Amino acid sequence: MPTGHEVGTVTTVLGGILASFFMSFYTSKNNFKKFLKSCPILSLPIQTFLFLFALLHLRYSVHCQIHS
């Protein structure tokens, strides 16, 4: 059973990888805008997911630091 600290580390690493992927994808804004225009139905869930993921990741990171 992984400890909270180990889970936090894995979450941080995965979060960093996901964030860097989305950031690199987002910085090529032309591609991102084309993608959103071609899939307007997906644009809101993706933005919502990114926002919630960032929020949860931030709260979990703070939580781990307090308890470690």
N, C-alpha and C. Protein backbone atom coordinates (compact mmCIF):
# COMPACT_ATOMS: atom_id res chain seq x y z
N MET A 1 0.85 -1.20 0.00
CA MET A 1 0.00 0.00 0.00
C MET A 1 0.89 1.25 0.00
N PRO A 2 0.78 2.09 -1.01
CA PRO A 2 1.64 3.28 -1.05
C PRO A 2 1.24 4.30 0.00
N THR A 3 2.22 4.96 0.54
CA THR A 3 1.93 6.01 1.53
C THR A 3 1.39 7.24 0.82
N GLY A 4 0.84 8.16 1.59
CA GLY A 4 0.32 9.40 1.02
C GLY A 4 1.41 10.19 0.32
N HIS A 5 2.62 10.12 0.88
CA HIS A 5 3.74 10.87 0.28
C HIS A 5 4.10 10.30 -1.09
N GLU A 6 4.12 8.95 -1.19
CA GLU A 6 4.43 8.30 -2.48
C GLU A 6 3.36 8.63 -3.51
N VAL A 7 2.11 8.57 -3.11
CA VAL A 7 1.01 8.90 -4.02
C VAL A 7 1.14 10.35 -4.46
N GLY A 8 1.48 11.23 -3.52
CA GLY A 8 1.68 12.64 -3.84
C GLY A 8 2.78 12.85 -4.85
N THR A 9 3.88 12.09 -4.69
CA THR A 9 5.01 12.20 -5.62
C THR A 9 4.59 11.75 -7.01
N VAL A 10 3.92 10.61 -7.09
CA VAL A 10 3.45 10.09 -8.38
C VAL A 10 2.48 11.07 -9.02
N THR A 11 1.56 11.59 -8.22
CA THR A 11 0.58 12.56 -8.73
C THR A 11 1.28 13.80 -9.25
N THR A 12 2.30 14.26 -8.51
CA THR A 12 3.05 15.45 -8.93
C THR A 12 3.75 15.20 -10.25
N VAL A 13 4.38 14.04 -10.39
CA VAL A 13 5.10 13.70 -11.63
C VAL A 13 4.12 13.61 -12.79
N LEU A 14 3.04 12.86 -12.60
CA LEU A 14 2.03 12.72 -13.66
C LEU A 14 1.41 14.07 -13.99
N GLY A 15 1.15 14.86 -12.97
CA GLY A 15 0.58 16.19 -13.17
C GLY A 15 1.52 17.07 -13.98
N GLY A 16 2.81 16.98 -13.67
CA GLY A 16 3.81 17.75 -14.41
C GLY A 16 3.87 17.34 -15.87
N ILE A 17 3.83 16.04 -16.11
CA ILE A 17 3.87 15.52 -17.49
C ILE A 17 2.64 15.99 -18.25
N LEU A 18 1.47 15.83 -17.64
CA LEU A 18 0.22 16.26 -18.27
C LEU A 18 0.22 17.76 -18.53
N ALA A 19 0.65 18.51 -17.52
CA ALA A 19 0.67 19.97 -17.65
C ALA A 19 1.60 20.40 -18.77
N SER A 20 2.79 19.79 -18.84
CA SER A 20 3.74 20.17 -19.88
C SER A 20 3.21 19.80 -21.26
N PHE A 21 2.53 18.65 -21.34
CA PHE A 21 1.94 18.24 -22.61
C PHE A 21 0.88 19.24 -23.06
N PHE A 22 -0.03 19.58 -22.13
CA PHE A 22 -1.09 20.52 -22.48
C PHE A 22 -0.54 21.91 -22.77
N MET A 23 0.50 22.31 -22.02
CA MET A 23 1.09 23.63 -22.25
C MET A 23 1.74 23.69 -23.63
N SER A 24 2.49 22.65 -23.99
CA SER A 24 3.14 22.65 -25.30
C SER A 24 2.09 22.60 -26.41
N PHE A 25 1.01 21.88 -26.15
CA PHE A 25 -0.07 21.80 -27.12
C PHE A 25 -0.78 23.15 -27.22
N TYR A 26 -0.95 23.78 -26.06
CA TYR A 26 -1.68 25.05 -26.01
C TYR A 26 -0.86 26.19 -26.60
N THR A 27 0.47 26.14 -26.46
CA THR A 27 1.30 27.22 -26.97
C THR A 27 1.28 27.25 -28.50
N SER A 28 1.07 26.10 -29.12
CA SER A 28 0.83 26.13 -30.56
C SER A 28 -0.65 26.45 -30.75
N LYS A 29 -0.98 27.71 -30.46
CA LYS A 29 -2.39 28.13 -30.34
C LYS A 29 -3.19 27.92 -31.61
N ASN A 30 -2.53 28.04 -32.76
CA ASN A 30 -3.26 27.82 -34.01
C ASN A 30 -3.85 26.42 -34.04
N ASN A 31 -3.04 25.45 -33.66
CA ASN A 31 -3.53 24.07 -33.63
C ASN A 31 -4.67 23.93 -32.63
N PHE A 32 -4.50 24.55 -31.47
CA PHE A 32 -5.51 24.44 -30.42
C PHE A 32 -6.82 25.09 -30.85
N LYS A 33 -6.72 26.27 -31.48
CA LYS A 33 -7.93 26.96 -31.95
C LYS A 33 -8.62 26.15 -33.04
N LYS A 34 -7.83 25.60 -33.96
CA LYS A 34 -8.41 24.75 -35.01
C LYS A 34 -9.11 23.55 -34.39
N PHE A 35 -8.45 22.97 -33.38
CA PHE A 35 -9.00 21.81 -32.71
C PHE A 35 -10.33 22.15 -32.03
N LEU A 36 -10.36 23.30 -31.34
CA LEU A 36 -11.58 23.71 -30.65
C LEU A 36 -12.69 24.05 -31.63
N LYS A 37 -12.31 24.65 -32.77
CA LYS A 37 -13.33 24.97 -33.78
C LYS A 37 -13.90 23.71 -34.41
N SER A 38 -13.04 22.72 -34.62
CA SER A 38 -13.51 21.48 -35.23
C SER A 38 -14.28 20.62 -34.23
N CYS A 39 -13.99 20.78 -32.94
CA CYS A 39 -14.68 20.01 -31.91
C CYS A 39 -15.23 20.92 -30.82
N PRO A 40 -16.19 21.78 -31.13
CA PRO A 40 -16.69 22.71 -30.11
C PRO A 40 -17.32 22.01 -28.91
N ILE A 41 -17.84 20.80 -29.14
CA ILE A 41 -18.48 20.05 -28.05
C ILE A 41 -17.42 19.64 -27.02
N LEU A 42 -16.21 19.37 -27.51
CA LEU A 42 -15.14 18.91 -26.62
C LEU A 42 -14.45 20.05 -25.89
N SER A 43 -14.53 21.26 -26.44
CA SER A 43 -13.73 22.35 -25.89
C SER A 43 -14.08 22.65 -24.43
N LEU A 44 -15.37 22.66 -24.11
CA LEU A 44 -15.77 22.97 -22.73
C LEU A 44 -15.35 21.88 -21.75
N PRO A 45 -15.61 20.60 -22.04
CA PRO A 45 -15.14 19.56 -21.12
C PRO A 45 -13.63 19.57 -20.92
N ILE A 46 -12.87 19.84 -21.98
CA ILE A 46 -11.41 19.85 -21.86
C ILE A 46 -10.97 21.00 -20.95
N GLN A 47 -11.53 22.17 -21.16
CA GLN A 47 -11.18 23.33 -20.32
C GLN A 47 -11.61 23.09 -18.88
N THR A 48 -12.79 22.51 -18.70
CA THR A 48 -13.28 22.21 -17.35
C THR A 48 -12.37 21.19 -16.68
N PHE A 49 -12.00 20.14 -17.44
CA PHE A 49 -11.11 19.10 -16.91
C PHE A 49 -9.78 19.69 -16.49
N LEU A 50 -9.20 20.53 -17.36
CA LEU A 50 -7.91 21.15 -17.04
C LEU A 50 -8.01 21.99 -15.78
N PHE A 51 -9.08 22.75 -15.67
CA PHE A 51 -9.28 23.61 -14.50
C PHE A 51 -9.42 22.77 -13.23
N LEU A 52 -10.27 21.74 -13.29
CA LEU A 52 -10.49 20.88 -12.13
C LEU A 52 -9.23 20.12 -11.76
N PHE A 53 -8.50 19.64 -12.79
CA PHE A 53 -7.26 18.91 -12.55
C PHE A 53 -6.25 19.81 -11.84
N ALA A 54 -6.11 21.03 -12.33
CA ALA A 54 -5.17 21.99 -11.72
C ALA A 54 -5.58 22.28 -10.28
N LEU A 55 -6.88 22.45 -10.06
CA LEU A 55 -7.39 22.76 -8.72
C LEU A 55 -7.13 21.59 -7.77
N LEU A 56 -7.48 20.38 -8.19
CA LEU A 56 -7.28 19.20 -7.36
C LEU A 56 -5.80 18.96 -7.10
N HIS A 57 -4.99 19.12 -8.13
CA HIS A 57 -3.55 18.90 -8.02
C HIS A 57 -2.95 19.87 -7.01
N LEU A 58 -3.37 21.11 -7.07
CA LEU A 58 -2.88 22.14 -6.16
C LEU A 58 -3.28 21.80 -4.72
N ARG A 59 -4.54 21.45 -4.52
CA ARG A 59 -5.03 21.13 -3.17
C ARG A 59 -4.33 19.90 -2.62
N TYR A 60 -4.13 18.89 -3.48
CA TYR A 60 -3.49 17.65 -3.02
C TYR A 60 -2.03 17.88 -2.68
N SER A 61 -1.35 18.69 -3.48
CA SER A 61 0.06 18.99 -3.23
C SER A 61 0.21 19.70 -1.88
N VAL A 62 -0.64 20.66 -1.63
CA VAL A 62 -0.61 21.40 -0.35
C VAL A 62 -0.92 20.45 0.79
N HIS A 63 -1.91 19.58 0.60
CA HIS A 63 -2.31 18.60 1.62
C HIS A 63 -1.14 17.69 1.98
N CYS A 64 -0.41 17.21 0.98
CA CYS A 64 0.74 16.32 1.21
C CYS A 64 1.85 17.04 1.96
N GLN A 65 2.10 18.28 1.61
CA GLN A 65 3.18 19.03 2.25
C GLN A 65 2.86 19.29 3.72
N ILE A 66 1.59 19.49 4.03
CA ILE A 66 1.19 19.75 5.42
C ILE A 66 1.39 18.49 6.26
N HIS A 67 1.04 17.33 5.70
CA HIS A 67 1.07 16.09 6.47
C HIS A 67 2.40 15.35 6.43
N SER A 68 3.32 15.77 5.59
CA SER A 68 4.60 15.05 5.52
C SER A 68 5.59 15.62 6.52
